[in-house]
Amino acid sequence: MIEVYKLIKRHLDGAKSGDAKLDQIKIFSTCIGHGVGTIDFSEKVLEIDEDEYERILQNGGEYLKFKIGNLNRYFEIEIFPEHAAQLLPQMIECPFKEILRGLKEGYLVLRKDFKNT
């Protein structure tokens, strides 16, 4: 099972710099500094079964396969809005594509659930 988490708590909202890229880096770096990772500030928004994930990969373009195709190797993949913009044109219609369409700020984390495999 592949779990998709979305950042829901922005603990730096009061410290925005005006530079969107810098703010993204601040949010990401403070979240991963908590030891258990981005999950602290995220909620699960989708579960994708292994067969569906394979179908997404097999029918996707080169960037899609590069960006999300190594989940078994890295165990966790972060997707920021700029990644979503590149992934969307290469992805088949599926619930995960809908989640990507809504990613305007923050980030998503794809995580492989090894307990249920």
Protein backbone atom coordinates (compact mmCIF):
# COMPACT_ATOMS: atom_id res chain seq x y z
CA MET A 1 0.00 0.00 0.00
CA ILE A 2 1.20 3.50 -0.84
CA GLU A 3 0.13 6.26 1.53
CA VAL A 4 -0.13 9.89 0.45
CA TYR A 5 0.23 12.53 3.16
CA LYS A 6 -0.40 16.24 2.77
CA LEU A 7 0.97 19.04 4.90
CA ILE A 8 -1.95 20.38 6.90
CA LYS A 9 -0.32 22.30 9.74
CA ARG A 10 1.85 25.27 8.88
CA HIS A 11 3.74 26.07 12.05
CA LEU A 12 5.62 28.94 10.33
CA ASP A 13 2.60 30.88 9.10
CA GLY A 14 3.58 33.95 11.08
CA ALA A 15 7.13 33.97 9.73
CA LYS A 16 6.54 34.29 5.99
CA SER A 17 9.40 35.98 4.18
CA GLY A 18 7.59 36.89 0.97
CA ASP A 19 9.84 34.49 -0.96
CA ALA A 20 7.70 31.40 -1.67
CA LYS A 21 10.66 29.13 -2.38
CA LEU A 22 12.42 30.17 0.85
CA ASP A 23 9.23 29.61 2.84
CA GLN A 24 8.88 26.10 1.36
CA ILE A 25 12.46 25.29 2.41
CA LYS A 26 11.82 26.58 5.93
CA ILE A 27 8.66 24.53 6.33
CA PHE A 28 10.22 21.36 4.97
CA SER A 29 13.45 21.63 6.95
CA THR A 30 11.71 22.27 10.26
CA CYS A 31 9.33 19.36 9.73
CA ILE A 32 12.03 16.81 9.00
CA GLY A 33 13.99 18.00 12.01
CA HIS A 34 11.51 16.38 14.39
CA GLY A 35 12.94 12.89 14.04
CA VAL A 36 9.79 11.19 12.82
CA GLY A 37 9.66 13.30 9.69
CA THR A 38 6.95 15.12 7.85
CA ILE A 39 4.23 12.93 9.26
CA ASP A 40 4.12 15.18 12.37
CA PHE A 41 2.43 17.95 10.41
CA SER A 42 0.60 15.92 7.80
CA GLU A 43 -2.50 13.83 7.42
CA LYS A 44 -3.11 10.87 5.18
CA VAL A 45 -5.22 12.00 2.23
CA LEU A 46 -5.08 8.89 0.04
CA GLU A 47 -4.09 5.24 -0.06
CA ILE A 48 -3.04 3.70 -3.38
CA ASP A 49 -2.82 -0.06 -3.75
CA GLU A 50 0.30 -1.54 -5.35
CA ASP A 51 -1.46 -2.47 -8.61
CA GLU A 52 -2.84 1.05 -9.11
CA TYR A 53 0.56 2.57 -8.33
CA GLU A 54 2.19 0.29 -10.94
CA ARG A 55 -0.48 1.30 -13.47
CA ILE A 56 0.29 4.99 -12.80
CA LEU A 57 4.01 4.34 -13.30
CA GLN A 58 3.62 2.20 -16.43
CA ASN A 59 1.40 4.75 -18.14
CA GLY A 60 3.40 7.80 -17.10
CA GLY A 61 6.05 9.84 -18.82
CA GLU A 62 9.78 9.91 -18.19
CA TYR A 63 9.69 12.57 -15.45
CA LEU A 64 6.89 10.75 -13.60
CA LYS A 65 8.84 7.50 -13.61
CA PHE A 66 11.95 9.34 -12.40
CA LYS A 67 10.17 11.30 -9.64
CA ILE A 68 7.91 8.68 -8.11
CA GLY A 69 9.27 5.43 -9.53
CA ASN A 70 11.92 4.81 -6.86
CA LEU A 71 9.65 4.55 -3.84
CA ASN A 72 10.91 1.03 -3.07
CA ARG A 73 14.45 2.38 -2.99
CA TYR A 74 13.92 5.61 -1.01
CA PHE A 75 10.80 4.60 1.02
CA GLU A 76 9.51 8.18 0.97
CA ILE A 77 9.19 10.80 -1.76
CA GLU A 78 8.35 14.48 -1.32
CA ILE A 79 6.33 16.30 -3.96
CA PHE A 80 6.24 20.09 -4.02
CA PRO A 81 3.95 22.23 -6.23
CA GLU A 82 6.65 22.62 -8.90
CA HIS A 83 6.94 18.82 -9.09
CA ALA A 84 3.15 18.46 -9.31
CA ALA A 85 3.09 20.85 -12.28
CA GLN A 86 5.50 18.56 -14.14
CA LEU A 87 3.76 15.34 -13.06
CA LEU A 88 0.20 16.31 -13.98
CA PRO A 89 0.55 16.26 -17.79
CA GLN A 90 2.24 12.84 -17.62
CA MET A 91 -0.25 11.14 -15.30
CA ILE A 92 -3.30 9.07 -16.12
CA GLU A 93 -6.63 10.03 -14.60
CA CYS A 94 -6.76 8.68 -11.05
CA PRO A 95 -7.47 9.89 -7.49
CA PHE A 96 -3.77 10.71 -6.98
CA LYS A 97 -3.91 13.10 -9.96
CA GLU A 98 -6.79 14.93 -8.25
CA ILE A 99 -4.66 15.35 -5.12
CA LEU A 100 -1.81 16.75 -7.24
CA ARG A 101 -4.17 19.22 -8.93
CA GLY A 102 -4.98 20.70 -5.53
CA LEU A 103 -1.35 21.13 -4.45
CA LYS A 104 -0.80 24.90 -4.60
CA GLU A 105 1.42 25.22 -1.52
CA GLY A 106 3.05 22.96 1.02
CA TYR A 107 3.93 19.47 -0.12
CA LEU A 108 2.89 15.83 -0.32
CA VAL A 109 4.77 12.80 0.93
CA LEU A 110 4.43 9.39 -0.69
CA ARG A 111 5.30 6.65 1.75
CA LYS A 112 5.34 2.90 1.28
CA ASP A 113 3.47 1.04 4.01
CA PHE A 114 5.56 -2.09 4.54
CA LYS A 115 3.28 -3.42 7.30
CA ASN A 116 0.53 -4.24 4.84
CA THR A 117 2.57 -5.60 1.93
